[in-house]
Amino acid sequence: MESIIEKNEEIIENHYILNVRVKGRIPKITPGQFFMVRIEDREVFLRRPFTVYDQRGDLLSIMYKVRGRGTMVLSRMKKGQKLSILGPLGRGFHIGKRDFYLVIAGGIGIAGVHLLMKRIGKKAKLFYGTSSSLGVSLVKDLMDYEPVISTMDGSYGYRGDVVSSLREKIDGFLGKDLEVFACGPKEMYRSLKELLSKYGFACQILWEERMGCGMGLCFGCVVKTNDESDPEKRVCFEGPAFSLWEISL
C-alpha cells in the first residue's frame, strides 16, 4: 500500500513517531500485528518490520528506535514523502474475556503494547520500565491509565527494572481472573517467566527477530519453541504474539 508521511517526529534521542496516511482501506488491525516498510536506499535491500503503534481510520502510527542503516534513513524522511507499506501481517495478541489484564513493557517495547492499552483501557494496569526519566516521554499519552513506571537509574518512579517493580506489587492482583501481555527484550522475558511461574498466569509476549519477507515464505525469522511436534515457529507468521510458556528461553 502507498502512504504519505504526515509526521516523523523525534520524541527523545533516537526514538521517533511516524504517522502515515494510507491510500485505500486498512484491514482491521489486531494489537501486536506489524507492517513491512520499504525504505528507499541503495544499502537497504529488505523491507523492515514495525509493530503498529496506533491507528485512527486511515492514519497509521509507528514508534521506532534508530538502530541501523534502515531506521536511520527512515528518521530523515519528511512530511509529504511517499512510503510503501505492506500489512497488517502476523498474528497479534488474542484478547480473551478477562476481569483484568497486566501489561508489561520495557523501553521501546511500549510500541508493541500501545494499541493494546488503547483497546483494553481501564481494565489493564501498565508496568513500564526504562533506563532514565527521559524514557517516560514514550508513555506520556498513557498517563491517564496511571502506569507503574520504573527507571534503572531511579530518576523517576521505582528504582530498578520493570519486572522487579511488578514483583513488589503482584500480590495485589492475586485472586483476579487476569492475563499478562508483554513486550520487551529477551532478558525481560526470562525474568518475567521466572516470576510468573509461581502463579500460573496466562501470558502473551511479542517476539522480535530479523525478518526477510514478513509473510512466512523465507523462514528467516524462526524461533525455537517447546512444541515437540513443530518446535520451530516463524515469528512473522505463527507470531509475533506467542505464549510466554511456549517460547524456549
C-alpha atoms as a PDB file:
ATOM      1  CA  MET A   1       0.000   0.000   0.000  1.00  0.00           C
ATOM      2  CA  GLU A   2       1.133   3.509  -0.729  1.00  0.00           C
ATOM      3  CA  SER A   3       1.108   6.014   2.101  1.00  0.00           C
ATOM      4  CA  ILE A   4       2.061   9.630   2.664  1.00  0.00           C
ATOM      5  CA  ILE A   5       4.070  10.760   5.670  1.00  0.00           C
ATOM      6  CA  GLU A   6       2.184  13.250   7.822  1.00  0.00           C
ATOM      7  CA  LYS A   7       4.652  13.379  10.709  1.00  0.00           C
ATOM      8  CA  ASN A   8       8.049  11.900  11.518  1.00  0.00           C
ATOM      9  CA  GLU A   9       8.940  13.380  14.877  1.00  0.00           C
ATOM     10  CA  GLU A  10      11.762  12.645  17.294  1.00  0.00           C
ATOM     11  CA  ILE A  11      10.328  12.213  20.803  1.00  0.00           C
ATOM     12  CA  ILE A  12      13.572  11.620  22.658  1.00  0.00           C
ATOM     13  CA  GLU A  13      17.021  10.926  21.279  1.00  0.00           C
ATOM     14  CA  ASN A  14      16.824   8.255  18.541  1.00  0.00           C
ATOM     15  CA  HIS A  15      13.135   7.493  19.246  1.00  0.00           C
ATOM     16  CA  TYR A  16      10.550   8.582  16.677  1.00  0.00           C
ATOM     17  CA  ILE A  17       6.827   8.584  15.984  1.00  0.00           C
ATOM     18  CA  LEU A  18       5.941   8.122  12.322  1.00  0.00           C
ATOM     19  CA  ASN A  19       2.400   8.936  11.164  1.00  0.00           C
ATOM     20  CA  VAL A  20       1.367   7.975   7.645  1.00  0.00           C
ATOM     21  CA  ARG A  21      -1.902   8.473   5.776  1.00  0.00           C
ATOM     22  CA  VAL A  22      -2.678   5.246   3.927  1.00  0.00           C
ATOM     23  CA  LYS A  23      -4.258   5.287   0.491  1.00  0.00           C
ATOM     24  CA  GLY A  24      -7.008   2.690   0.443  1.00  0.00           C
ATOM     25  CA  ARG A  25      -8.758   0.703   3.125  1.00  0.00           C
ATOM     26  CA  ILE A  26      -6.735  -0.687   6.028  1.00  0.00           C
ATOM     27  CA  PRO A  27      -7.954  -4.079   7.268  1.00  0.00           C
ATOM     28  CA  LYS A  28      -8.827  -4.289  10.950  1.00  0.00           C
ATOM     29  CA  ILE A  29      -5.604  -4.372  12.927  1.00  0.00           C
ATOM     30  CA  THR A  30      -5.078  -6.643  15.913  1.00  0.00           C
ATOM     31  CA  PRO A  31      -2.709  -5.212  18.552  1.00  0.00           C
ATOM     32  CA  GLY A  32       0.704  -6.780  18.043  1.00  0.00           C
ATOM     33  CA  GLN A  33       0.478  -7.056  14.258  1.00  0.00           C
ATOM     34  CA  PHE A  34       3.101  -5.338  12.137  1.00  0.00           C
ATOM     35  CA  PHE A  35       3.759  -3.706   8.766  1.00  0.00           C
ATOM     36  CA  MET A  36       6.723  -4.227   6.458  1.00  0.00           C
ATOM     37  CA  VAL A  37       8.067  -0.858   5.315  1.00  0.00           C
ATOM     38  CA  ARG A  38      10.106  -0.325   2.157  1.00  0.00           C
ATOM     39  CA  ILE A  39      12.962   2.110   2.754  1.00  0.00           C
ATOM     40  CA  GLU A  40      14.345   3.627  -0.425  1.00  0.00           C
ATOM     41  CA  ASP A  41      18.112   3.359  -0.060  1.00  0.00           C
ATOM     42  CA  ARG A  42      20.777   1.531  -2.063  1.00  0.00           C
ATOM     43  CA  GLU A  43      22.121  -0.142   1.087  1.00  0.00           C
ATOM     44  CA  VAL A  44      18.733  -1.277   2.415  1.00  0.00           C
ATOM     45  CA  PHE A  45      17.516  -4.267   0.396  1.00  0.00           C
ATOM     46  CA  LEU A  46      14.748  -5.736   2.518  1.00  0.00           C
ATOM     47  CA  ARG A  47      11.630  -4.193   3.995  1.00  0.00           C
ATOM     48  CA  ARG A  48      11.770  -3.509   7.715  1.00  0.00           C
ATOM     49  CA  PRO A  49       9.081  -4.733  10.171  1.00  0.00           C
ATOM     50  CA  PHE A  50       7.400  -2.262  12.535  1.00  0.00           C
ATOM     51  CA  THR A  51       4.669  -3.047  15.058  1.00  0.00           C
ATOM     52  CA  VAL A  52       1.532  -0.949  14.774  1.00  0.00           C
ATOM     53  CA  TYR A  53       1.673   1.718  17.490  1.00  0.00           C
ATOM     54  CA  ASP A  54      -1.754   3.230  16.827  1.00  0.00           C
ATOM     55  CA  GLN A  55      -4.478   3.506  14.201  1.00  0.00           C
ATOM     56  CA  ARG A  56      -7.164   6.116  13.646  1.00  0.00           C
ATOM     57  CA  GLY A  57      -9.052   5.469  10.431  1.00  0.00           C
ATOM     58  CA  ASP A  58      -6.571   5.659   7.556  1.00  0.00           C
ATOM     59  CA  LEU A  59      -3.892   7.226   9.797  1.00  0.00           C
ATOM     60  CA  LEU A  60      -1.319   4.663  10.885  1.00  0.00           C
ATOM     61  CA  SER A  61       1.298   5.311  13.574  1.00  0.00           C
ATOM     62  CA  ILE A  62       4.605   3.555  14.202  1.00  0.00           C
ATOM     63  CA  MET A  63       7.054   4.180  17.030  1.00  0.00           C
ATOM     64  CA  TYR A  64      10.626   3.185  16.277  1.00  0.00           C
ATOM     65  CA  LYS A  65      14.165   3.479  17.551  1.00  0.00           C
ATOM     66  CA  VAL A  66      17.128   4.230  15.274  1.00  0.00           C
ATOM     67  CA  ARG A  67      19.246   1.088  15.391  1.00  0.00           C
ATOM     68  CA  GLY A  68      20.858   0.732  11.976  1.00  0.00           C
ATOM     69  CA  ARG A  69      21.009   1.978   8.419  1.00  0.00           C
ATOM     70  CA  GLY A  70      17.336   1.362   7.647  1.00  0.00           C
ATOM     71  CA  THR A  71      15.888   3.200  10.631  1.00  0.00           C
ATOM     72  CA  MET A  72      18.460   5.986  10.236  1.00  0.00           C
ATOM     73  CA  VAL A  73      17.281   6.602   6.655  1.00  0.00           C
ATOM     74  CA  LEU A  74      13.661   6.395   7.798  1.00  0.00           C
ATOM     75  CA  SER A  75      14.267   9.006  10.503  1.00  0.00           C
ATOM     76  CA  ARG A  76      15.373  11.514   7.834  1.00  0.00           C
ATOM     77  CA  MET A  77      12.190  11.249   5.784  1.00  0.00           C
ATOM     78  CA  LYS A  78       9.928  14.295   5.780  1.00  0.00           C
ATOM     79  CA  LYS A  79       6.252  15.170   5.708  1.00  0.00           C
ATOM     80  CA  GLY A  80       4.738  14.661   2.242  1.00  0.00           C
ATOM     81  CA  GLN A  81       7.119  11.890   1.160  1.00  0.00           C
ATOM     82  CA  LYS A  82       5.676   8.597  -0.061  1.00  0.00           C
ATOM     83  CA  LEU A  83       6.242   5.358   1.786  1.00  0.00           C
ATOM     84  CA  SER A  84       5.347   1.844   0.655  1.00  0.00           C
ATOM     85  CA  ILE A  85       3.986  -0.396   3.418  1.00  0.00           C
ATOM     86  CA  LEU A  86       2.736  -3.976   3.468  1.00  0.00           C
ATOM     87  CA  GLY A  87       0.329  -5.264   6.094  1.00  0.00           C
ATOM     88  CA  PRO A  88      -1.063  -5.772   8.598  1.00  0.00           C
ATOM     89  CA  LEU A  89       0.894  -9.002   8.973  1.00  0.00           C
ATOM     90  CA  GLY A  90       1.401 -11.707  11.566  1.00  0.00           C
ATOM     91  CA  ARG A  91      -0.654 -12.959  14.463  1.00  0.00           C
ATOM     92  CA  GLY A  92      -1.272 -10.355  17.118  1.00  0.00           C
ATOM     93  CA  PHE A  93      -2.436 -10.638  20.705  1.00  0.00           C
ATOM     94  CA  HIS A  94      -5.575 -12.610  21.429  1.00  0.00           C
ATOM     95  CA  ILE A  95      -7.611 -10.569  23.898  1.00  0.00           C
ATOM     96  CA  GLY A  96      -9.750 -13.061  25.757  1.00  0.00           C
ATOM     97  CA  LYS A  97     -12.536 -12.147  28.169  1.00  0.00           C
ATOM     98  CA  ARG A  98     -10.840 -11.496  31.489  1.00  0.00           C
ATOM     99  CA  ASP A  99     -11.649  -9.410  34.529  1.00  0.00           C
ATOM    100  CA  PHE A 100      -8.258  -7.715  34.423  1.00  0.00           C
ATOM    101  CA  TYR A 101      -5.018  -7.503  32.456  1.00  0.00           C
ATOM    102  CA  LEU A 102      -1.407  -6.719  33.292  1.00  0.00           C
ATOM    103  CA  VAL A 103       0.631  -5.125  30.506  1.00  0.00           C
ATOM    104  CA  ILE A 104       4.420  -5.112  30.831  1.00  0.00           C
ATOM    105  CA  ALA A 105       6.671  -3.054  28.555  1.00  0.00           C
ATOM    106  CA  GLY A 106      10.395  -2.409  28.565  1.00  0.00           C
ATOM    107  CA  GLY A 107      11.890   0.541  26.677  1.00  0.00           C
ATOM    108  CA  ILE A 108      10.850   0.699  23.023  1.00  0.00           C
ATOM    109  CA  GLY A 109       8.652  -2.322  23.813  1.00  0.00           C
ATOM    110  CA  ILE A 110       5.935   0.205  24.614  1.00  0.00           C
ATOM    111  CA  ALA A 111       5.451   0.454  20.843  1.00  0.00           C
ATOM    112  CA  GLY A 112       4.162  -3.114  20.807  1.00  0.00           C
ATOM    113  CA  VAL A 113       1.537  -2.697  23.530  1.00  0.00           C
ATOM    114  CA  HIS A 114       0.351   0.895  22.989  1.00  0.00           C
ATOM    115  CA  LEU A 115      -2.559  -0.095  20.732  1.00  0.00           C
ATOM    116  CA  LEU A 116      -3.363  -2.931  23.133  1.00  0.00           C
ATOM    117  CA  MET A 117      -3.658  -0.468  26.025  1.00  0.00           C
ATOM    118  CA  LYS A 118      -5.939   1.729  23.953  1.00  0.00           C
ATOM    119  CA  ARG A 119      -8.180  -1.248  23.179  1.00  0.00           C
ATOM    120  CA  ILE A 120      -8.346  -2.648  26.728  1.00  0.00           C
ATOM    121  CA  GLY A 121      -8.469   0.673  28.572  1.00  0.00           C
ATOM    122  CA  LYS A 122      -9.008   0.884  32.327  1.00  0.00           C
ATOM    123  CA  LYS A 123      -9.214  -2.888  32.751  1.00  0.00           C
ATOM    124  CA  ALA A 124      -5.437  -3.028  32.254  1.00  0.00           C
ATOM    125  CA  LYS A 125      -2.567  -1.992  34.507  1.00  0.00           C
ATOM    126  CA  LEU A 126       0.571  -0.931  32.681  1.00  0.00           C
ATOM    127  CA  PHE A 127       4.030  -1.543  34.109  1.00  0.00           C
ATOM    128  CA  TYR A 128       6.654   0.326  32.105  1.00  0.00           C
ATOM    129  CA  GLY A 129      10.406   0.229  32.534  1.00  0.00           C
ATOM    130  CA  THR A 130      13.049   2.488  31.021  1.00  0.00           C
ATOM    131  CA  SER A 131      16.642   3.454  31.680  1.00  0.00           C
ATOM    132  CA  SER A 132      16.017   7.014  32.909  1.00  0.00           C
ATOM    133  CA  SER A 133      13.355   9.717  33.248  1.00  0.00           C
ATOM    134  CA  LEU A 134      13.917  10.663  29.593  1.00  0.00           C
ATOM    135  CA  GLY A 135      12.131   7.480  28.553  1.00  0.00           C
ATOM    136  CA  VAL A 136       8.966   8.488  30.415  1.00  0.00           C
ATOM    137  CA  SER A 137       8.117  10.679  27.405  1.00  0.00           C
ATOM    138  CA  LEU A 138       7.324   7.475  25.496  1.00  0.00           C
ATOM    139  CA  VAL A 139       4.262   6.866  27.687  1.00  0.00           C
ATOM    140  CA  LYS A 140       3.055  10.454  28.073  1.00  0.00           C
ATOM    141  CA  ASP A 141      -0.247   9.775  26.292  1.00  0.00           C
ATOM    142  CA  LEU A 142      -0.910   6.767  28.554  1.00  0.00           C
ATOM    143  CA  MET A 143      -0.609   8.670  31.836  1.00  0.00           C
ATOM    144  CA  ASP A 144      -4.402   8.654  32.288  1.00  0.00           C
ATOM    145  CA  TYR A 145      -4.065   4.905  32.893  1.00  0.00           C
ATOM    146  CA  GLU A 146      -1.762   5.606  35.869  1.00  0.00           C
ATOM    147  CA  PRO A 147       1.113   3.357  34.768  1.00  0.00           C
ATOM    148  CA  VAL A 148       3.645   1.999  37.233  1.00  0.00           C
ATOM    149  CA  ILE A 149       6.934   3.390  35.927  1.00  0.00           C
ATOM    150  CA  SER A 150      10.393   2.174  36.836  1.00  0.00           C
ATOM    151  CA  THR A 151      13.781   3.585  35.842  1.00  0.00           C
ATOM    152  CA  MET A 152      17.112   1.838  36.152  1.00  0.00           C
ATOM    153  CA  ASP A 153      18.820   4.961  37.496  1.00  0.00           C
ATOM    154  CA  GLY A 154      16.000   5.829  39.895  1.00  0.00           C
ATOM    155  CA  SER A 155      15.385   9.227  38.303  1.00  0.00           C
ATOM    156  CA  TYR A 156      11.626   8.559  38.067  1.00  0.00           C
ATOM    157  CA  GLY A 157       9.316   6.176  39.901  1.00  0.00           C
ATOM    158  CA  TYR A 158      10.572   2.806  41.096  1.00  0.00           C
ATOM    159  CA  ARG A 159      14.352   2.301  41.036  1.00  0.00           C
ATOM    160  CA  GLY A 160      15.144  -0.879  39.143  1.00  0.00           C
ATOM    161  CA  ASP A 161      13.833  -2.951  36.259  1.00  0.00           C
ATOM    162  CA  VAL A 162      10.180  -3.342  35.301  1.00  0.00           C
ATOM    163  CA  VAL A 163       9.870  -6.986  36.382  1.00  0.00           C
ATOM    164  CA  SER A 164      11.203  -6.114  39.828  1.00  0.00           C
ATOM    165  CA  SER A 165       8.571  -3.389  40.142  1.00  0.00           C
ATOM    166  CA  LEU A 166       5.903  -5.931  39.175  1.00  0.00           C
ATOM    167  CA  ARG A 167       7.283  -8.389  41.736  1.00  0.00           C
ATOM    168  CA  GLU A 168       6.668  -5.886  44.527  1.00  0.00           C
ATOM    169  CA  LYS A 169       3.023  -5.363  43.560  1.00  0.00           C
ATOM    170  CA  ILE A 170       1.927  -8.685  42.112  1.00  0.00           C
ATOM    171  CA  ASP A 171       0.344  -9.980  45.322  1.00  0.00           C
ATOM    172  CA  GLY A 172      -2.258  -7.240  44.981  1.00  0.00           C
ATOM    173  CA  PHE A 173      -3.515  -8.865  41.780  1.00  0.00           C
ATOM    174  CA  LEU A 174      -3.878 -12.398  43.121  1.00  0.00           C
ATOM    175  CA  GLY A 175      -7.361 -13.840  43.007  1.00  0.00           C
ATOM    176  CA  LYS A 176      -8.281 -11.943  39.843  1.00  0.00           C
ATOM    177  CA  ASP A 177      -9.104 -13.619  36.545  1.00  0.00           C
ATOM    178  CA  LEU A 178      -6.279 -11.949  34.684  1.00  0.00           C
ATOM    179  CA  GLU A 179      -3.879 -12.346  31.793  1.00  0.00           C
ATOM    180  CA  VAL A 180      -0.471 -10.798  31.207  1.00  0.00           C
ATOM    181  CA  PHE A 181       0.733  -9.187  27.972  1.00  0.00           C
ATOM    182  CA  ALA A 182       4.349  -8.140  27.486  1.00  0.00           C
ATOM    183  CA  CYS A 183       6.746  -6.589  25.000  1.00  0.00           C
ATOM    184  CA  GLY A 184      10.415  -6.001  25.631  1.00  0.00           C
ATOM    185  CA  PRO A 185      13.896  -7.521  25.408  1.00  0.00           C
ATOM    186  CA  LYS A 186      14.588 -11.224  25.836  1.00  0.00           C
ATOM    187  CA  GLU A 187      16.218 -10.637  29.232  1.00  0.00           C
ATOM    188  CA  MET A 188      12.943  -9.149  30.451  1.00  0.00           C
ATOM    189  CA  TYR A 189      11.038 -12.209  29.249  1.00  0.00           C
ATOM    190  CA  ARG A 190      13.379 -14.530  31.146  1.00  0.00           C
ATOM    191  CA  SER A 191      12.841 -12.596  34.374  1.00  0.00           C
ATOM    192  CA  LEU A 192       9.093 -12.412  33.750  1.00  0.00           C
ATOM    193  CA  LYS A 193       8.890 -16.159  33.163  1.00  0.00           C
ATOM    194  CA  GLU A 194      10.723 -16.830  36.422  1.00  0.00           C
ATOM    195  CA  LEU A 195       8.334 -14.555  38.324  1.00  0.00           C
ATOM    196  CA  LEU A 196       5.077 -15.713  36.741  1.00  0.00           C
ATOM    197  CA  SER A 197       5.946 -19.417  37.016  1.00  0.00           C
ATOM    198  CA  LYS A 198       4.987 -19.139  40.695  1.00  0.00           C
ATOM    199  CA  TYR A 199       1.461 -18.000  39.837  1.00  0.00           C
ATOM    200  CA  GLY A 200       0.483 -19.768  36.610  1.00  0.00           C
ATOM    201  CA  PHE A 201      -0.914 -16.686  34.874  1.00  0.00           C
ATOM    202  CA  ALA A 202      -1.553 -16.865  31.149  1.00  0.00           C
ATOM    203  CA  CYS A 203       0.948 -14.600  29.412  1.00  0.00           C
ATOM    204  CA  GLN A 204       1.372 -13.498  25.807  1.00  0.00           C
ATOM    205  CA  ILE A 205       4.522 -11.806  24.540  1.00  0.00           C
ATOM    206  CA  LEU A 206       5.670 -10.192  21.302  1.00  0.00           C
ATOM    207  CA  TRP A 207       8.842 -11.811  19.975  1.00  0.00           C
ATOM    208  CA  GLU A 208      11.289  -9.866  17.832  1.00  0.00           C
ATOM    209  CA  GLU A 209      13.531 -11.372  15.154  1.00  0.00           C
ATOM    210  CA  ARG A 210      15.094 -10.107  11.935  1.00  0.00           C
ATOM    211  CA  MET A 211      12.710 -10.737   9.047  1.00  0.00           C
ATOM    212  CA  GLY A 212      13.149 -11.298   5.345  1.00  0.00           C
ATOM    213  CA  CYS A 213       9.745 -11.424   3.684  1.00  0.00           C
ATOM    214  CA  GLY A 214       7.380 -10.912   6.628  1.00  0.00           C
ATOM    215  CA  MET A 215       4.904 -13.439   5.204  1.00  0.00           C
ATOM    216  CA  GLY A 216       6.274 -16.804   6.287  1.00  0.00           C
ATOM    217  CA  LEU A 217       7.847 -17.740   2.958  1.00  0.00           C
ATOM    218  CA  CYS A 218      11.578 -17.449   3.627  1.00  0.00           C
ATOM    219  CA  PHE A 219      11.809 -18.990   7.119  1.00  0.00           C
ATOM    220  CA  GLY A 220      14.304 -16.290   8.072  1.00  0.00           C
ATOM    221  CA  CYS A 221      12.748 -15.422  11.434  1.00  0.00           C
ATOM    222  CA  VAL A 222      12.414 -18.786  13.151  1.00  0.00           C
ATOM    223  CA  VAL A 223      12.228 -19.033  16.946  1.00  0.00           C
ATOM    224  CA  LYS A 224      12.614 -22.242  18.958  1.00  0.00           C
ATOM    225  CA  THR A 225       9.572 -23.300  20.959  1.00  0.00           C
ATOM    226  CA  ASN A 226       8.580 -26.107  23.309  1.00  0.00           C
ATOM    227  CA  ASP A 227       6.190 -27.603  20.748  1.00  0.00           C
ATOM    228  CA  GLU A 228       7.636 -31.084  20.231  1.00  0.00           C
ATOM    229  CA  SER A 229       5.657 -31.695  17.027  1.00  0.00           C
ATOM    230  CA  ASP A 230       6.691 -28.380  15.440  1.00  0.00           C
ATOM    231  CA  PRO A 231       9.435 -26.764  17.538  1.00  0.00           C
ATOM    232  CA  GLU A 232      10.487 -24.014  15.107  1.00  0.00           C
ATOM    233  CA  LYS A 233       7.902 -21.268  14.569  1.00  0.00           C
ATOM    234  CA  ARG A 234       8.026 -18.355  12.137  1.00  0.00           C
ATOM    235  CA  VAL A 235       7.799 -15.096  14.054  1.00  0.00           C
ATOM    236  CA  CYS A 236       6.178 -13.318  11.104  1.00  0.00           C
ATOM    237  CA  PHE A 237       3.518 -15.984  10.576  1.00  0.00           C
ATOM    238  CA  GLU A 238       2.825 -18.048  13.704  1.00  0.00           C
ATOM    239  CA  GLY A 239       3.764 -14.935  15.716  1.00  0.00           C
ATOM    240  CA  PRO A 240       4.899 -12.394  16.639  1.00  0.00           C
ATOM    241  CA  ALA A 241       2.491 -12.969  19.561  1.00  0.00           C
ATOM    242  CA  PHE A 242       3.315 -16.173  21.431  1.00  0.00           C
ATOM    243  CA  SER A 243       2.545 -17.630  24.816  1.00  0.00           C
ATOM    244  CA  LEU A 244       5.444 -16.936  27.174  1.00  0.00           C
ATOM    245  CA  TRP A 245       5.310 -20.612  28.149  1.00  0.00           C
ATOM    246  CA  GLU A 246       5.627 -21.689  24.502  1.00  0.00           C
ATOM    247  CA  ILE A 247       8.956 -19.983  23.781  1.00  0.00           C
ATOM    248  CA  SER A 248      12.210 -21.757  24.618  1.00  0.00           C
ATOM    249  CA  LEU A 249      14.150 -19.193  26.655  1.00  0.00           C
END
